[in-house]
Amino acid sequence: MNSPLERRRFSRIMVSLPVEYHTRLPETDTPFQGQGVLRDISLGGAYFHVDPDTSFQPGQILSLSVSAPLPYLEDTDISHLQATGEVIRFDPPEPNRPQAGVALNFLGGLTFCATPAQQMF
């Protein structure tokens, strides 16, 4: 029997970075946005932690933005990976894991952009 890692098409990178997401609540179709912390990412998807009061449903669509500082670049200080994905699993908090987790499958490719450094006056 194959392990879950062997079934993955892309290697995952373990990393802890801030995440912002936008979605619509399934019950009301109301826009909702929030923040979390990325645990791992690959070309095919990501897993991130969210506030324990947050809940997602499989099939829910999210727009995700991951911010990472790149201090070695001269004209930029923050880069952003952006993607749209579908929730494939939601892990509610448990006594030994106080944060909830979201497994996301990307619907298309990742987009990379850099934000110019802000001028300090």
C-alpha atoms as a PDB file:
ATOM      1  CA  MET A   1       0.000   0.000   0.000  1.00  0.00           C
ATOM      2  CA  ASN A   2       1.306   3.467  -0.898  1.00  0.00           C
ATOM      3  CA  SER A   3       1.783   6.075   1.781  1.00  0.00           C
ATOM      4  CA  PRO A   4       0.102   9.480   1.270  1.00  0.00           C
ATOM      5  CA  LEU A   5       3.505  11.002   0.472  1.00  0.00           C
ATOM      6  CA  GLU A   6       4.083   8.551  -2.368  1.00  0.00           C
ATOM      7  CA  ARG A   7       0.763   9.512  -3.997  1.00  0.00           C
ATOM      8  CA  ARG A   8       1.640  13.204  -4.142  1.00  0.00           C
ATOM      9  CA  ARG A   9       2.581  14.574  -7.543  1.00  0.00           C
ATOM     10  CA  PHE A  10       4.776  17.343  -6.106  1.00  0.00           C
ATOM     11  CA  SER A  11       7.222  17.534  -3.212  1.00  0.00           C
ATOM     12  CA  ARG A  12       6.123  19.677  -0.289  1.00  0.00           C
ATOM     13  CA  ILE A  13       8.227  22.358   1.357  1.00  0.00           C
ATOM     14  CA  MET A  14       7.778  22.766   5.105  1.00  0.00           C
ATOM     15  CA  VAL A  15       7.652  26.475   5.921  1.00  0.00           C
ATOM     16  CA  SER A  16       5.969  28.828   8.373  1.00  0.00           C
ATOM     17  CA  LEU A  17       4.759  31.999   6.632  1.00  0.00           C
ATOM     18  CA  PRO A  18       1.734  34.288   6.998  1.00  0.00           C
ATOM     19  CA  VAL A  19      -1.258  33.532   4.791  1.00  0.00           C
ATOM     20  CA  GLU A  20      -4.255  35.669   3.869  1.00  0.00           C
ATOM     21  CA  TYR A  21      -7.328  34.079   2.336  1.00  0.00           C
ATOM     22  CA  HIS A  22     -10.604  35.204   0.806  1.00  0.00           C
ATOM     23  CA  THR A  23     -13.660  33.030   0.320  1.00  0.00           C
ATOM     24  CA  ARG A  24     -17.449  33.063   0.443  1.00  0.00           C
ATOM     25  CA  LEU A  25     -19.278  31.463   3.341  1.00  0.00           C
ATOM     26  CA  PRO A  26     -21.151  28.406   2.016  1.00  0.00           C
ATOM     27  CA  GLU A  27     -24.309  29.060   4.077  1.00  0.00           C
ATOM     28  CA  THR A  28     -24.836  32.704   3.070  1.00  0.00           C
ATOM     29  CA  ASP A  29     -22.468  33.361   0.126  1.00  0.00           C
ATOM     30  CA  THR A  30     -21.132  36.295   2.165  1.00  0.00           C
ATOM     31  CA  PRO A  31     -17.513  37.330   1.425  1.00  0.00           C
ATOM     32  CA  PHE A  32     -15.130  36.298   4.206  1.00  0.00           C
ATOM     33  CA  GLN A  33     -11.432  36.897   4.686  1.00  0.00           C
ATOM     34  CA  GLY A  34      -8.979  35.782   7.293  1.00  0.00           C
ATOM     35  CA  GLN A  35      -5.397  34.991   8.141  1.00  0.00           C
ATOM     36  CA  GLY A  36      -3.443  31.901   9.017  1.00  0.00           C
ATOM     37  CA  VAL A  37       0.000  30.360   9.032  1.00  0.00           C
ATOM     38  CA  LEU A  38       1.299  28.186   6.224  1.00  0.00           C
ATOM     39  CA  ARG A  39       2.650  24.783   7.308  1.00  0.00           C
ATOM     40  CA  ASP A  40       3.646  23.382   3.913  1.00  0.00           C
ATOM     41  CA  ILE A  41       3.255  24.117   0.218  1.00  0.00           C
ATOM     42  CA  SER A  42       3.885  22.454  -3.138  1.00  0.00           C
ATOM     43  CA  LEU A  43       3.067  23.230  -6.752  1.00  0.00           C
ATOM     44  CA  GLY A  44      -0.193  21.310  -6.278  1.00  0.00           C
ATOM     45  CA  GLY A  45      -1.482  22.537  -2.932  1.00  0.00           C
ATOM     46  CA  ALA A  46      -0.898  23.797   0.589  1.00  0.00           C
ATOM     47  CA  TYR A  47      -1.759  23.135   4.205  1.00  0.00           C
ATOM     48  CA  PHE A  48      -2.211  26.018   6.627  1.00  0.00           C
ATOM     49  CA  HIS A  49      -3.410  26.622  10.156  1.00  0.00           C
ATOM     50  CA  VAL A  50      -6.302  28.961  10.962  1.00  0.00           C
ATOM     51  CA  ASP A  51      -8.009  30.286  14.070  1.00  0.00           C
ATOM     52  CA  PRO A  52      -9.856  27.513  15.968  1.00  0.00           C
ATOM     53  CA  ASP A  53     -13.165  29.376  15.525  1.00  0.00           C
ATOM     54  CA  THR A  54     -12.850  29.190  11.732  1.00  0.00           C
ATOM     55  CA  SER A  55     -14.425  26.381   9.723  1.00  0.00           C
ATOM     56  CA  PHE A  56     -14.227  25.297   6.085  1.00  0.00           C
ATOM     57  CA  GLN A  57     -16.051  22.677   4.056  1.00  0.00           C
ATOM     58  CA  PRO A  58     -14.601  20.385   1.381  1.00  0.00           C
ATOM     59  CA  GLY A  59     -15.244  21.913  -2.031  1.00  0.00           C
ATOM     60  CA  GLN A  60     -15.108  25.482  -0.728  1.00  0.00           C
ATOM     61  CA  ILE A  61     -12.997  27.760  -2.963  1.00  0.00           C
ATOM     62  CA  LEU A  62     -10.343  30.066  -1.464  1.00  0.00           C
ATOM     63  CA  SER A  63      -8.068  32.739  -2.865  1.00  0.00           C
ATOM     64  CA  LEU A  64      -4.789  32.472  -1.008  1.00  0.00           C
ATOM     65  CA  SER A  65      -1.855  34.874  -0.680  1.00  0.00           C
ATOM     66  CA  VAL A  66       1.406  33.871   1.012  1.00  0.00           C
ATOM     67  CA  SER A  67       3.836  36.646   1.951  1.00  0.00           C
ATOM     68  CA  ALA A  68       7.565  36.091   2.329  1.00  0.00           C
ATOM     69  CA  PRO A  69      10.292  38.645   3.042  1.00  0.00           C
ATOM     70  CA  LEU A  70      13.164  38.652   0.581  1.00  0.00           C
ATOM     71  CA  PRO A  71      15.678  41.045   2.169  1.00  0.00           C
ATOM     72  CA  TYR A  72      18.466  40.202  -0.294  1.00  0.00           C
ATOM     73  CA  LEU A  73      16.643  41.807  -3.234  1.00  0.00           C
ATOM     74  CA  GLU A  74      17.525  45.453  -3.729  1.00  0.00           C
ATOM     75  CA  ASP A  75      14.216  46.850  -4.963  1.00  0.00           C
ATOM     76  CA  THR A  76      11.704  44.647  -3.158  1.00  0.00           C
ATOM     77  CA  ASP A  77      11.137  43.573   0.399  1.00  0.00           C
ATOM     78  CA  ILE A  78       8.104  41.259   0.232  1.00  0.00           C
ATOM     79  CA  SER A  79       7.130  38.681  -2.342  1.00  0.00           C
ATOM     80  CA  HIS A  80       3.699  37.120  -2.662  1.00  0.00           C
ATOM     81  CA  LEU A  81       2.595  33.746  -3.913  1.00  0.00           C
ATOM     82  CA  GLN A  82      -1.038  33.819  -4.954  1.00  0.00           C
ATOM     83  CA  ALA A  83      -3.302  30.933  -5.851  1.00  0.00           C
ATOM     84  CA  THR A  84      -6.906  29.821  -5.966  1.00  0.00           C
ATOM     85  CA  GLY A  85      -7.670  26.459  -4.464  1.00  0.00           C
ATOM     86  CA  GLU A  86     -10.335  24.038  -3.337  1.00  0.00           C
ATOM     87  CA  VAL A  87     -10.566  22.811   0.240  1.00  0.00           C
ATOM     88  CA  ILE A  88     -10.021  19.067   0.214  1.00  0.00           C
ATOM     89  CA  ARG A  89      -9.886  18.584   3.985  1.00  0.00           C
ATOM     90  CA  PHE A  90     -10.602  20.584   7.123  1.00  0.00           C
ATOM     91  CA  ASP A  91      -9.040  19.446  10.398  1.00  0.00           C
ATOM     92  CA  PRO A  92     -10.918  20.915  13.374  1.00  0.00           C
ATOM     93  CA  PRO A  93      -8.932  21.699  16.526  1.00  0.00           C
ATOM     94  CA  GLU A  94      -8.292  18.888  18.999  1.00  0.00           C
ATOM     95  CA  PRO A  95      -6.985  18.862  22.582  1.00  0.00           C
ATOM     96  CA  ASN A  96      -3.429  18.108  21.387  1.00  0.00           C
ATOM     97  CA  ARG A  97      -3.715  20.550  18.421  1.00  0.00           C
ATOM     98  CA  PRO A  98      -5.412  23.846  19.316  1.00  0.00           C
ATOM     99  CA  GLN A  99      -5.357  25.207  15.754  1.00  0.00           C
ATOM    100  CA  ALA A 100      -7.592  24.139  12.902  1.00  0.00           C
ATOM    101  CA  GLY A 101      -5.981  23.090   9.620  1.00  0.00           C
ATOM    102  CA  VAL A 102      -6.951  23.438   5.974  1.00  0.00           C
ATOM    103  CA  ALA A 103      -5.674  21.228   3.138  1.00  0.00           C
ATOM    104  CA  LEU A 104      -6.006  23.027  -0.185  1.00  0.00           C
ATOM    105  CA  ASN A 105      -5.648  21.714  -3.753  1.00  0.00           C
ATOM    106  CA  PHE A 106      -4.622  24.476  -6.167  1.00  0.00           C
ATOM    107  CA  LEU A 107      -6.888  25.089  -9.168  1.00  0.00           C
ATOM    108  CA  GLY A 108      -4.273  26.204 -11.656  1.00  0.00           C
ATOM    109  CA  GLY A 109      -0.795  27.525 -11.108  1.00  0.00           C
ATOM    110  CA  LEU A 110       0.825  29.724  -8.510  1.00  0.00           C
ATOM    111  CA  THR A 111       1.388  33.378  -9.322  1.00  0.00           C
ATOM    112  CA  PHE A 112       4.463  35.160  -7.976  1.00  0.00           C
ATOM    113  CA  CYS A 113       4.747  38.912  -7.576  1.00  0.00           C
ATOM    114  CA  ALA A 114       7.054  41.211  -5.666  1.00  0.00           C
ATOM    115  CA  THR A 115       5.972  44.309  -3.770  1.00  0.00           C
ATOM    116  CA  PRO A 116       8.314  47.301  -4.083  1.00  0.00           C
ATOM    117  CA  ALA A 117       9.976  48.341  -0.850  1.00  0.00           C
ATOM    118  CA  GLN A 118       8.195  51.188   0.878  1.00  0.00           C
ATOM    119  CA  GLN A 119      10.147  54.396   1.175  1.00  0.00           C
ATOM    120  CA  MET A 120      10.813  55.529   4.732  1.00  0.00           C
ATOM    121  CA  PHE A 121      10.718  59.331   5.071  1.00  0.00           C
END
